[in-house]
Amino acid sequence: MFNCNAMSLIIIMSIASLVVSENPVYNHYKVIGNVDNVEIRDYNNLLYVSYVPMNKSDRSNSFRKVADFIFGNNSRNENISMTSPVVMKTYNNYEMAFIMPSIYTIDNLPSTNSSDLNVYEEKGGIKAVIKYSGFSNNEKEERFIKKLKETLDANNIDYKNDFEVLVYNPPYQMFNRKNEISVTINYK
């Protein structure tokens, strides 16, 4: 049975999915290779607005806090299109980050009204990515992180410990769900 926080999160994510632009997946990267079931991607610089939860129980507030910014609680009361994927940075207490649409730069993005939010541009780089379907959860994420590590180790590809969970679909979408795990690699 859902608790009140989980149900609130589902409702907020469902509403958020209604404001996703017609082409919510922007060209954040190009595929430059494949190693077994892993894609090697060259990512562009990305502009993020994010929230780092204070602890595990605070994670349920992450989506609401960042969504509040794109729904207009910002310095210009401007609604901002939601892009896909939503990024969860496992190495930073499951920081939840929304990628800002490409029309924005660090200079023209509205400022946050909340000191809880972070705005930053992340330098592009080479990442290895493994895909999986269905609803994401900690057990599944750990299983695919392990598979990704095994593939990279077997192919002598060095990687950082900056694993990210990429979630592409709203919570009410039951079928054809897309998720990924990514990690920065040293790829030649």
Protein backbone atom coordinates (compact mmCIF):
# COMPACT_ATOMS: atom_id res chain seq x y z
CA MET A 1 0.00 0.00 0.00
CA PHE A 2 1.27 3.51 -0.87
CA ASN A 3 2.04 5.97 1.84
CA CYS A 4 0.92 9.58 1.48
CA ASN A 5 4.35 10.82 0.27
CA ALA A 6 4.56 8.17 -2.44
CA MET A 7 1.06 8.95 -3.68
CA SER A 8 1.83 12.69 -3.69
CA LEU A 9 4.98 12.05 -5.71
CA ILE A 10 3.03 10.00 -8.28
CA ILE A 11 0.41 12.73 -8.62
CA ILE A 12 3.06 15.45 -9.04
CA MET A 13 4.97 13.40 -11.63
CA SER A 14 1.74 12.70 -13.51
CA ILE A 15 0.92 16.41 -13.65
CA ALA A 16 4.49 17.19 -14.66
CA SER A 17 4.25 14.81 -17.58
CA LEU A 18 1.45 16.96 -19.00
CA VAL A 19 3.86 19.87 -19.47
CA VAL A 20 6.52 17.83 -21.25
CA SER A 21 7.11 19.43 -24.63
CA GLU A 22 6.29 17.61 -27.86
CA ASN A 23 9.90 16.50 -28.25
CA PRO A 24 10.99 16.05 -24.65
CA VAL A 25 14.20 14.14 -25.40
CA TYR A 26 16.70 16.64 -26.68
CA ASN A 27 19.90 15.70 -28.44
CA HIS A 28 22.15 15.63 -25.40
CA TYR A 29 24.64 13.21 -26.92
CA LYS A 30 25.77 11.24 -29.93
CA VAL A 31 26.51 7.52 -29.92
CA ILE A 32 30.17 6.92 -30.79
CA GLY A 33 30.40 3.18 -30.21
CA ASN A 34 29.05 -0.01 -28.68
CA VAL A 35 30.65 -2.58 -26.41
CA ASP A 36 28.46 -5.65 -26.05
CA ASN A 37 25.11 -4.34 -24.72
CA VAL A 38 26.57 -0.96 -23.69
CA GLU A 39 26.41 2.25 -25.72
CA ILE A 40 29.33 4.66 -25.66
CA ARG A 41 28.09 8.25 -25.86
CA ASP A 42 29.72 11.64 -26.24
CA TYR A 43 27.60 14.02 -24.14
CA ASN A 44 27.23 17.77 -24.69
CA ASN A 45 27.52 20.23 -21.82
CA LEU A 46 24.23 20.09 -19.89
CA LEU A 47 22.51 22.74 -17.81
CA TYR A 48 20.87 21.31 -14.69
CA VAL A 49 18.53 22.43 -11.94
CA SER A 50 18.78 19.94 -9.09
CA TYR A 51 17.99 19.08 -5.52
CA VAL A 52 20.24 17.02 -3.24
CA PRO A 53 18.17 15.25 -0.55
CA MET A 54 19.41 15.65 3.01
CA ASN A 55 18.88 11.94 3.74
CA LYS A 56 17.16 8.85 2.36
CA SER A 57 13.71 9.83 3.64
CA ASP A 58 14.06 13.28 1.99
CA ARG A 59 14.41 11.67 -1.47
CA SER A 60 10.62 11.61 -1.85
CA ASN A 61 10.70 15.45 -1.89
CA SER A 62 13.23 15.70 -4.72
CA PHE A 63 10.89 15.66 -7.71
CA ARG A 64 8.45 18.13 -6.16
CA LYS A 65 11.22 20.59 -5.28
CA VAL A 66 12.72 20.65 -8.79
CA ALA A 67 9.33 20.50 -10.54
CA ASP A 68 8.25 23.56 -8.57
CA PHE A 69 11.01 25.51 -10.36
CA ILE A 70 9.89 24.50 -13.87
CA PHE A 71 6.22 25.10 -13.00
CA GLY A 72 7.01 28.79 -12.50
CA ASN A 73 8.36 29.19 -8.97
CA ASN A 74 11.43 31.03 -10.25
CA SER A 75 12.61 34.63 -10.56
CA ARG A 76 10.52 35.28 -13.69
CA ASN A 77 7.47 33.14 -12.81
CA GLU A 78 8.25 31.37 -16.08
CA ASN A 79 7.03 27.88 -16.94
CA ILE A 80 9.85 25.81 -18.38
CA SER A 81 9.32 22.74 -20.55
CA MET A 82 10.19 19.50 -18.83
CA THR A 83 12.80 17.45 -20.64
CA SER A 84 13.60 13.80 -20.48
CA PRO A 85 15.39 12.03 -18.88
CA VAL A 86 15.26 12.94 -15.21
CA VAL A 87 18.74 12.24 -13.83
CA MET A 88 19.46 10.78 -10.40
CA LYS A 89 23.11 10.99 -9.40
CA THR A 90 23.72 7.98 -7.16
CA TYR A 91 27.14 9.27 -6.11
CA ASN A 92 25.62 12.45 -4.61
CA ASN A 93 22.92 11.07 -2.30
CA TYR A 94 20.60 10.50 -5.28
CA GLU A 95 20.64 14.14 -6.34
CA MET A 96 17.70 14.63 -8.70
CA ALA A 97 18.52 16.80 -11.70
CA PHE A 98 16.36 18.13 -14.51
CA ILE A 99 18.14 18.97 -17.75
CA MET A 100 17.09 22.41 -18.90
CA PRO A 101 15.90 22.88 -22.50
CA SER A 102 18.65 23.88 -24.93
CA ILE A 103 17.22 27.42 -25.34
CA TYR A 104 18.59 28.22 -21.87
CA THR A 105 22.12 29.01 -20.78
CA ILE A 106 23.48 29.62 -17.32
CA ASP A 107 23.07 33.35 -18.09
CA ASN A 108 19.45 33.41 -19.32
CA LEU A 109 17.84 30.74 -17.12
CA PRO A 110 15.53 32.24 -14.46
CA SER A 111 17.05 32.21 -10.98
CA THR A 112 15.67 29.87 -8.34
CA ASN A 113 13.47 31.18 -5.54
CA SER A 114 14.69 28.38 -3.28
CA SER A 115 18.11 28.02 -1.68
CA ASP A 116 17.48 24.24 -1.75
CA LEU A 117 18.02 24.13 -5.52
CA ASN A 118 21.28 24.07 -7.43
CA VAL A 119 21.81 25.45 -10.94
CA TYR A 120 24.95 24.42 -12.79
CA GLU A 121 26.38 23.49 -16.14
CA GLU A 122 28.07 20.11 -16.31
CA LYS A 123 30.87 19.70 -18.81
CA GLY A 124 30.22 17.08 -21.48
CA GLY A 125 32.18 13.88 -21.67
CA ILE A 126 32.24 10.26 -22.69
CA LYS A 127 29.87 7.91 -20.87
CA ALA A 128 28.98 4.25 -21.05
CA VAL A 129 25.25 3.56 -20.87
CA ILE A 130 23.25 0.39 -20.29
CA LYS A 131 19.49 0.31 -20.88
CA TYR A 132 16.73 -1.47 -18.99
CA SER A 133 12.95 -1.43 -19.00
CA GLY A 134 10.12 -1.46 -16.48
CA PHE A 135 9.88 0.58 -13.31
CA SER A 136 13.21 1.47 -11.76
CA ASN A 137 14.01 0.66 -8.13
CA ASN A 138 17.17 0.34 -6.02
CA GLU A 139 17.49 -3.41 -6.59
CA LYS A 140 17.20 -3.08 -10.37
CA GLU A 141 19.54 -0.08 -10.43
CA GLU A 142 22.20 -1.97 -8.45
CA ARG A 143 21.83 -5.00 -10.74
CA PHE A 144 22.39 -2.90 -13.87
CA ILE A 145 25.26 -0.94 -12.30
CA LYS A 146 26.89 -4.33 -11.64
CA LYS A 147 26.27 -5.45 -15.26
CA LEU A 148 27.71 -2.20 -16.57
CA LYS A 149 30.81 -2.55 -14.37
CA GLU A 150 31.29 -6.17 -15.49
CA THR A 151 31.11 -5.21 -19.17
CA LEU A 152 33.54 -2.33 -18.74
CA ASP A 153 35.95 -4.43 -16.66
CA ALA A 154 35.85 -7.27 -19.21
CA ASN A 155 36.78 -4.78 -21.94
CA ASN A 156 39.47 -2.97 -19.91
CA ILE A 157 37.59 0.33 -19.93
CA ASP A 158 38.34 2.58 -16.95
CA TYR A 159 35.37 4.31 -15.33
CA LYS A 160 34.66 6.76 -12.55
CA ASN A 161 32.31 5.98 -9.71
CA ASP A 162 29.77 8.60 -10.89
CA PHE A 163 26.86 6.32 -11.79
CA GLU A 164 23.62 8.01 -12.79
CA VAL A 165 20.09 6.65 -13.18
CA LEU A 166 18.25 8.12 -16.19
CA VAL A 167 14.44 7.83 -16.10
CA TYR A 168 12.55 8.70 -19.29
CA ASN A 169 8.87 8.03 -18.55
CA PRO A 170 6.13 9.40 -16.28
CA PRO A 171 5.07 7.06 -13.46
CA TYR A 172 1.64 6.34 -14.95
CA GLN A 173 3.15 4.92 -18.16
CA MET A 174 2.87 1.19 -17.61
CA PHE A 175 4.39 -0.19 -20.82
CA ASN A 176 7.47 0.51 -22.95
CA ARG A 177 9.32 2.17 -20.08
CA LYS A 178 12.93 3.23 -20.69
CA ASN A 179 15.62 3.64 -18.04
CA GLU A 180 19.39 3.75 -18.24
CA ILE A 181 22.48 3.68 -16.05
CA SER A 182 25.40 5.86 -17.15
CA VAL A 183 28.96 6.32 -15.95
CA THR A 184 31.87 8.48 -17.13
CA ILE A 185 34.59 6.47 -18.84
CA ASN A 186 38.09 6.88 -20.22
CA TYR A 187 37.48 5.85 -23.84
CA LYS A 188 39.86 6.10 -26.73
